Amino acid sequence: MIKFGDWLAEFKDVDRPIGDLANDMISENAIDTFNKVTSVDELPSNLTGEVLTVAIQAFEYYLIDTSVQ
């Protein structure tokens, strides 16, 4: 199964908040950190406010998307 960071990186060209999150993750070389996330509670602690909200929504979508594959 694809890991969260790798999955999120696929959204790097999307002109939406999920794309912004993906680009931030890539530019900060944080793909490995995001790949270790297995629950919302494990999202990086430096995410706050709207960025955290987008990350939570993205992770929830990741769970749905990967459960149907």
PDB file of N, CA and C in Angstrom:
ATOM      1  N   MET A   1       0.850  -1.193   0.000  1.00  0.00           N
ATOM      2  CA  MET A   1       0.000   0.000   0.000  1.00  0.00           C
ATOM      3  C   MET A   1       0.887   1.245   0.000  1.00  0.00           C
ATOM      4  N   ILE A   2       0.480   2.232  -0.747  1.00  0.00           N
ATOM      5  CA  ILE A   2       1.221   3.485  -0.819  1.00  0.00           C
ATOM      6  C   ILE A   2       1.164   4.203   0.531  1.00  0.00           C
ATOM      7  N   LYS A   3       2.271   4.791   0.921  1.00  0.00           N
ATOM      8  CA  LYS A   3       2.337   5.524   2.186  1.00  0.00           C
ATOM      9  C   LYS A   3       1.812   6.942   1.980  1.00  0.00           C
ATOM     10  N   PHE A   4       1.412   7.568   3.091  1.00  0.00           N
ATOM     11  CA  PHE A   4       0.753   8.870   3.028  1.00  0.00           C
ATOM     12  C   PHE A   4       1.601   9.927   2.327  1.00  0.00           C
ATOM     13  N   GLY A   5       2.871  10.029   2.662  1.00  0.00           N
ATOM     14  CA  GLY A   5       3.722  11.047   2.039  1.00  0.00           C
ATOM     15  C   GLY A   5       3.841  10.867   0.538  1.00  0.00           C
ATOM     16  N   ASP A   6       4.020   9.628   0.106  1.00  0.00           N
ATOM     17  CA  ASP A   6       4.112   9.341  -1.330  1.00  0.00           C
ATOM     18  C   ASP A   6       2.788   9.648  -2.023  1.00  0.00           C
ATOM     19  N   TRP A   7       1.690   9.288  -1.363  1.00  0.00           N
ATOM     20  CA  TRP A   7       0.356   9.563  -1.902  1.00  0.00           C
ATOM     21  C   TRP A   7       0.141  11.073  -2.023  1.00  0.00           C
ATOM     22  N   LEU A   8       0.483  11.808  -0.967  1.00  0.00           N
ATOM     23  CA  LEU A   8       0.286  13.258  -0.951  1.00  0.00           C
ATOM     24  C   LEU A   8       1.132  13.943  -2.019  1.00  0.00           C
ATOM     25  N   ALA A   9       2.336  13.453  -2.256  1.00  0.00           N
ATOM     26  CA  ALA A   9       3.226  14.050  -3.258  1.00  0.00           C
ATOM     27  C   ALA A   9       2.600  14.039  -4.650  1.00  0.00           C
ATOM     28  N   GLU A  10       1.701  13.122  -4.903  1.00  0.00           N
ATOM     29  CA  GLU A  10       1.037  13.054  -6.205  1.00  0.00           C
ATOM     30  C   GLU A  10       0.138  14.265  -6.467  1.00  0.00           C
ATOM     31  N   PHE A  11      -0.156  15.040  -5.439  1.00  0.00           N
ATOM     32  CA  PHE A  11      -1.020  16.216  -5.570  1.00  0.00           C
ATOM     33  C   PHE A  11      -0.223  17.509  -5.764  1.00  0.00           C
ATOM     34  N   LYS A  12       1.081  17.412  -6.009  1.00  0.00           N
ATOM     35  CA  LYS A  12       1.942  18.597  -6.079  1.00  0.00           C
ATOM     36  C   LYS A  12       1.531  19.595  -7.157  1.00  0.00           C
ATOM     37  N   ASP A  13       0.881  19.152  -8.200  1.00  0.00           N
ATOM     38  CA  ASP A  13       0.476  20.057  -9.280  1.00  0.00           C
ATOM     39  C   ASP A  13      -0.988  20.484  -9.198  1.00  0.00           C
ATOM     40  N   VAL A  14      -1.658  20.144  -8.115  1.00  0.00           N
ATOM     41  CA  VAL A  14      -3.070  20.488  -7.941  1.00  0.00           C
ATOM     42  C   VAL A  14      -3.172  21.896  -7.349  1.00  0.00           C
ATOM     43  N   ASP A  15      -3.950  22.748  -7.980  1.00  0.00           N
ATOM     44  CA  ASP A  15      -4.104  24.135  -7.542  1.00  0.00           C
ATOM     45  C   ASP A  15      -5.208  24.244  -6.490  1.00  0.00           C
ATOM     46  N   ARG A  16      -4.976  23.595  -5.391  1.00  0.00           N
ATOM     47  CA  ARG A  16      -5.897  23.572  -4.252  1.00  0.00           C
ATOM     48  C   ARG A  16      -5.052  23.450  -2.982  1.00  0.00           C
ATOM     49  N   PRO A  17      -5.643  23.619  -1.808  1.00  0.00           N
ATOM     50  CA  PRO A  17      -4.870  23.503  -0.576  1.00  0.00           C
ATOM     51  C   PRO A  17      -4.097  22.186  -0.444  1.00  0.00           C
ATOM     52  N   ILE A  18      -4.649  21.077  -0.937  1.00  0.00           N
ATOM     53  CA  ILE A  18      -3.927  19.809  -0.845  1.00  0.00           C
ATOM     54  C   ILE A  18      -2.633  19.870  -1.672  1.00  0.00           C
ATOM     55  N   GLY A  19      -2.665  20.584  -2.783  1.00  0.00           N
ATOM     56  CA  GLY A  19      -1.463  20.770  -3.590  1.00  0.00           C
ATOM     57  C   GLY A  19      -0.436  21.636  -2.885  1.00  0.00           C
ATOM     58  N   ASP A  20      -0.910  22.668  -2.195  1.00  0.00           N
ATOM     59  CA  ASP A  20      -0.008  23.515  -1.413  1.00  0.00           C
ATOM     60  C   ASP A  20       0.662  22.705  -0.309  1.00  0.00           C
ATOM     61  N   LEU A  21      -0.116  21.866   0.362  1.00  0.00           N
ATOM     62  CA  LEU A  21       0.434  21.011   1.412  1.00  0.00           C
ATOM     63  C   LEU A  21       1.483  20.068   0.829  1.00  0.00           C
ATOM     64  N   ALA A  22       1.181  19.483  -0.310  1.00  0.00           N
ATOM     65  CA  ALA A  22       2.130  18.573  -0.961  1.00  0.00           C
ATOM     66  C   ALA A  22       3.425  19.302  -1.309  1.00  0.00           C
ATOM     67  N   ASN A  23       3.313  20.493  -1.865  1.00  0.00           N
ATOM     68  CA  ASN A  23       4.505  21.256  -2.228  1.00  0.00           C
ATOM     69  C   ASN A  23       5.315  21.672  -1.010  1.00  0.00           C
ATOM     70  N   ASP A  24       4.642  22.064   0.072  1.00  0.00           N
ATOM     71  CA  ASP A  24       5.353  22.397   1.309  1.00  0.00           C
ATOM     72  C   ASP A  24       6.101  21.181   1.833  1.00  0.00           C
ATOM     73  N   MET A  25       5.452  20.037   1.822  1.00  0.00           N
ATOM     74  CA  MET A  25       6.069  18.804   2.301  1.00  0.00           C
ATOM     75  C   MET A  25       7.308  18.481   1.472  1.00  0.00           C
ATOM     76  N   ILE A  26       7.186  18.594   0.157  1.00  0.00           N
ATOM     77  CA  ILE A  26       8.305  18.282  -0.733  1.00  0.00           C
ATOM     78  C   ILE A  26       9.447  19.274  -0.529  1.00  0.00           C
ATOM     79  N   SER A  27       9.132  20.565  -0.450  1.00  0.00           N
ATOM     80  CA  SER A  27      10.183  21.578  -0.313  1.00  0.00           C
ATOM     81  C   SER A  27      10.907  21.486   1.027  1.00  0.00           C
ATOM     82  N   GLU A  28      10.239  20.955   2.030  1.00  0.00           N
ATOM     83  CA  GLU A  28      10.856  20.786   3.348  1.00  0.00           C
ATOM     84  C   GLU A  28      11.496  19.408   3.505  1.00  0.00           C
ATOM     85  N   ASN A  29      11.555  18.648   2.407  1.00  0.00           N
ATOM     86  CA  ASN A  29      12.110  17.284   2.443  1.00  0.00           C
ATOM     87  C   ASN A  29      11.476  16.455   3.556  1.00  0.00           C
ATOM     88  N   ALA A  30      10.157  16.546   3.669  1.00  0.00           N
ATOM     89  CA  ALA A  30       9.438  15.886   4.758  1.00  0.00           C
ATOM     90  C   ALA A  30       8.626  14.680   4.297  1.00  0.00           C
ATOM     91  N   ILE A  31       8.888  14.176   3.101  1.00  0.00           N
ATOM     92  CA  ILE A  31       8.117  13.029   2.618  1.00  0.00           C
ATOM     93  C   ILE A  31       8.274  11.848   3.566  1.00  0.00           C
ATOM     94  N   ASP A  32       9.501  11.593   4.028  1.00  0.00           N
ATOM     95  CA  ASP A  32       9.712  10.472   4.953  1.00  0.00           C
ATOM     96  C   ASP A  32       8.926  10.656   6.247  1.00  0.00           C
ATOM     97  N   THR A  33       8.863  11.893   6.733  1.00  0.00           N
ATOM     98  CA  THR A  33       8.089  12.174   7.950  1.00  0.00           C
ATOM     99  C   THR A  33       6.618  11.866   7.720  1.00  0.00           C
ATOM    100  N   PHE A  34       6.078  12.304   6.601  1.00  0.00           N
ATOM    101  CA  PHE A  34       4.674  12.054   6.287  1.00  0.00           C
ATOM    102  C   PHE A  34       4.426  10.574   5.995  1.00  0.00           C
ATOM    103  N   ASN A  35       5.438   9.878   5.478  1.00  0.00           N
ATOM    104  CA  ASN A  35       5.281   8.446   5.215  1.00  0.00           C
ATOM    105  C   ASN A  35       5.124   7.640   6.501  1.00  0.00           C
ATOM    106  N   LYS A  36       5.575   8.171   7.618  1.00  0.00           N
ATOM    107  CA  LYS A  36       5.468   7.472   8.907  1.00  0.00           C
ATOM    108  C   LYS A  36       4.105   7.659   9.563  1.00  0.00           C
ATOM    109  N   VAL A  37       3.291   8.556   9.034  1.00  0.00           N
ATOM    110  CA  VAL A  37       1.980   8.859   9.616  1.00  0.00           C
ATOM    111  C   VAL A  37       1.014   7.708   9.346  1.00  0.00           C
ATOM    112  N   THR A  38       0.456   7.175  10.432  1.00  0.00           N
ATOM    113  CA  THR A  38      -0.550   6.114  10.303  1.00  0.00           C
ATOM    114  C   THR A  38      -1.873   6.505  10.954  1.00  0.00           C
ATOM    115  N   SER A  39      -1.912   7.691  11.570  1.00  0.00           N
ATOM    116  CA  SER A  39      -3.148   8.214  12.148  1.00  0.00           C
ATOM    117  C   SER A  39      -3.048   9.735  12.194  1.00  0.00           C
ATOM    118  N   VAL A  40      -4.171  10.391  12.333  1.00  0.00           N
ATOM    119  CA  VAL A  40      -4.203  11.856  12.404  1.00  0.00           C
ATOM    120  C   VAL A  40      -3.333  12.359  13.551  1.00  0.00           C
ATOM    121  N   ASP A  41      -3.296  11.621  14.641  1.00  0.00           N
ATOM    122  CA  ASP A  41      -2.504  12.030  15.804  1.00  0.00           C
ATOM    123  C   ASP A  41      -1.011  12.062  15.518  1.00  0.00           C
ATOM    124  N   GLU A  42      -0.575  11.409  14.451  1.00  0.00           N
ATOM    125  CA  GLU A  42       0.846  11.346  14.120  1.00  0.00           C
ATOM    126  C   GLU A  42       1.269  12.387  13.082  1.00  0.00           C
ATOM    127  N   LEU A  43       0.358  13.261  12.674  1.00  0.00           N
ATOM    128  CA  LEU A  43       0.739  14.328  11.752  1.00  0.00           C
ATOM    129  C   LEU A  43       1.795  15.204  12.425  1.00  0.00           C
ATOM    130  N   PRO A  44       2.712  15.777  11.649  1.00  0.00           N
ATOM    131  CA  PRO A  44       3.779  16.596  12.241  1.00  0.00           C
ATOM    132  C   PRO A  44       3.227  17.674  13.172  1.00  0.00           C
ATOM    133  N   SER A  45       3.869  17.832  14.310  1.00  0.00           N
ATOM    134  CA  SER A  45       3.382  18.759  15.340  1.00  0.00           C
ATOM    135  C   SER A  45       3.555  20.222  14.949  1.00  0.00           C
ATOM    136  N   ASN A  46       4.348  20.504  13.917  1.00  0.00           N
ATOM    137  CA  ASN A  46       4.526  21.896  13.506  1.00  0.00           C
ATOM    138  C   ASN A  46       3.389  22.398  12.619  1.00  0.00           C
ATOM    139  N   LEU A  47       2.451  21.525  12.267  1.00  0.00           N
ATOM    140  CA  LEU A  47       1.300  21.942  11.467  1.00  0.00           C
ATOM    141  C   LEU A  47       0.266  22.585  12.383  1.00  0.00           C
ATOM    142  N   THR A  48      -0.190  23.762  12.011  1.00  0.00           N
ATOM    143  CA  THR A  48      -1.171  24.466  12.835  1.00  0.00           C
ATOM    144  C   THR A  48      -2.234  25.101  11.949  1.00  0.00           C
ATOM    145  N   GLY A  49      -3.314  25.503  12.577  1.00  0.00           N
ATOM    146  CA  GLY A  49      -4.365  26.257  11.901  1.00  0.00           C
ATOM    147  C   GLY A  49      -4.894  25.591  10.651  1.00  0.00           C
ATOM    148  N   GLU A  50      -4.996  26.381   9.586  1.00  0.00           N
ATOM    149  CA  GLU A  50      -5.570  25.907   8.331  1.00  0.00           C
ATOM    150  C   GLU A  50      -4.731  24.787   7.712  1.00  0.00           C
ATOM    151  N   VAL A  51      -3.414  24.857   7.875  1.00  0.00           N
ATOM    152  CA  VAL A  51      -2.544  23.807   7.324  1.00  0.00           C
ATOM    153  C   VAL A  51      -2.845  22.474   7.996  1.00  0.00           C
ATOM    154  N   LEU A  52      -3.042  22.494   9.300  1.00  0.00           N
ATOM    155  CA  LEU A  52      -3.388  21.271  10.022  1.00  0.00           C
ATOM    156  C   LEU A  52      -4.742  20.745   9.559  1.00  0.00           C
ATOM    157  N   THR A  53      -5.696  21.633   9.373  1.00  0.00           N
ATOM    158  CA  THR A  53      -7.018  21.226   8.885  1.00  0.00           C
ATOM    159  C   THR A  53      -6.911  20.548   7.525  1.00  0.00           C
ATOM    160  N   VAL A  54      -6.131  21.125   6.624  1.00  0.00           N
ATOM    161  CA  VAL A  54      -5.936  20.536   5.296  1.00  0.00           C
ATOM    162  C   VAL A  54      -5.246  19.182   5.422  1.00  0.00           C
ATOM    163  N   ALA A  55      -4.256  19.081   6.294  1.00  0.00           N
ATOM    164  CA  ALA A  55      -3.537  17.816   6.483  1.00  0.00           C
ATOM    165  C   ALA A  55      -4.467  16.733   7.020  1.00  0.00           C
ATOM    166  N   ILE A  56      -5.323  17.088   7.957  1.00  0.00           N
ATOM    167  CA  ILE A  56      -6.285  16.123   8.505  1.00  0.00           C
ATOM    168  C   ILE A  56      -7.241  15.662   7.410  1.00  0.00           C
ATOM    169  N   GLN A  57      -7.772  16.614   6.646  1.00  0.00           N
ATOM    170  CA  GLN A  57      -8.687  16.255   5.559  1.00  0.00           C
ATOM    171  C   GLN A  57      -7.987  15.390   4.515  1.00  0.00           C
ATOM    172  N   ALA A  58      -6.752  15.729   4.193  1.00  0.00           N
ATOM    173  CA  ALA A  58      -5.988  14.946   3.215  1.00  0.00           C
ATOM    174  C   ALA A  58      -5.748  13.536   3.732  1.00  0.00           C
ATOM    175  N   PHE A  59      -5.409  13.411   5.011  1.00  0.00           N
ATOM    176  CA  PHE A  59      -5.164  12.084   5.568  1.00  0.00           C
ATOM    177  C   PHE A  59      -6.449  11.254   5.565  1.00  0.00           C
ATOM    178  N   GLU A  60      -7.569  11.870   5.904  1.00  0.00           N
ATOM    179  CA  GLU A  60      -8.844  11.148   5.880  1.00  0.00           C
ATOM    180  C   GLU A  60      -9.182  10.691   4.460  1.00  0.00           C
ATOM    181  N   TYR A  61      -8.910  11.544   3.474  1.00  0.00           N
ATOM    182  CA  TYR A  61      -9.144  11.168   2.079  1.00  0.00           C
ATOM    183  C   TYR A  61      -8.189  10.043   1.668  1.00  0.00           C
ATOM    184  N   TYR A  62      -6.939  10.125   2.124  1.00  0.00           N
ATOM    185  CA  TYR A  62      -5.949   9.070   1.865  1.00  0.00           C
ATOM    186  C   TYR A  62      -6.465   7.726   2.380  1.00  0.00           C
ATOM    187  N   LEU A  63      -7.011   7.706   3.586  1.00  0.00           N
ATOM    188  CA  LEU A  63      -7.537   6.457   4.153  1.00  0.00           C
ATOM    189  C   LEU A  63      -8.663   5.896   3.288  1.00  0.00           C
ATOM    190  N   ILE A  64      -9.550   6.768   2.843  1.00  0.00           N
ATOM    191  CA  ILE A  64     -10.654   6.329   1.983  1.00  0.00           C
ATOM    192  C   ILE A  64     -10.119   5.845   0.641  1.00  0.00           C
ATOM    193  N   ASP A  65      -9.232   6.630   0.049  1.00  0.00           N
ATOM    194  CA  ASP A  65      -8.695   6.314  -1.273  1.00  0.00           C
ATOM    195  C   ASP A  65      -7.929   4.994  -1.278  1.00  0.00           C
ATOM    196  N   THR A  66      -7.143   4.755  -0.259  1.00  0.00           N
ATOM    197  CA  THR A  66      -6.333   3.533  -0.235  1.00  0.00           C
ATOM    198  C   THR A  66      -7.121   2.317   0.230  1.00  0.00           C
ATOM    199  N   SER A  67      -8.262   2.531   0.848  1.00  0.00           N
ATOM    200  CA  SER A  67      -9.052   1.381   1.303  1.00  0.00           C
ATOM    201  C   SER A  67      -9.831   0.736   0.163  1.00  0.00           C
ATOM    202  N   VAL A  68     -10.011   1.455  -0.931  1.00  0.00           N
ATOM    203  CA  VAL A  68     -10.778   0.911  -2.053  1.00  0.00           C
ATOM    204  C   VAL A  68      -9.886   0.350  -3.155  1.00  0.00           C
ATOM    205  N   GLN A  69      -8.599   0.374  -2.946  1.00  0.00           N
ATOM    206  CA  GLN A  69      -7.673  -0.143  -3.967  1.00  0.00           C
ATOM    207  C   GLN A  69      -7.402  -1.607  -3.772  1.00  0.00           C
TER     208      GLN A  69
END
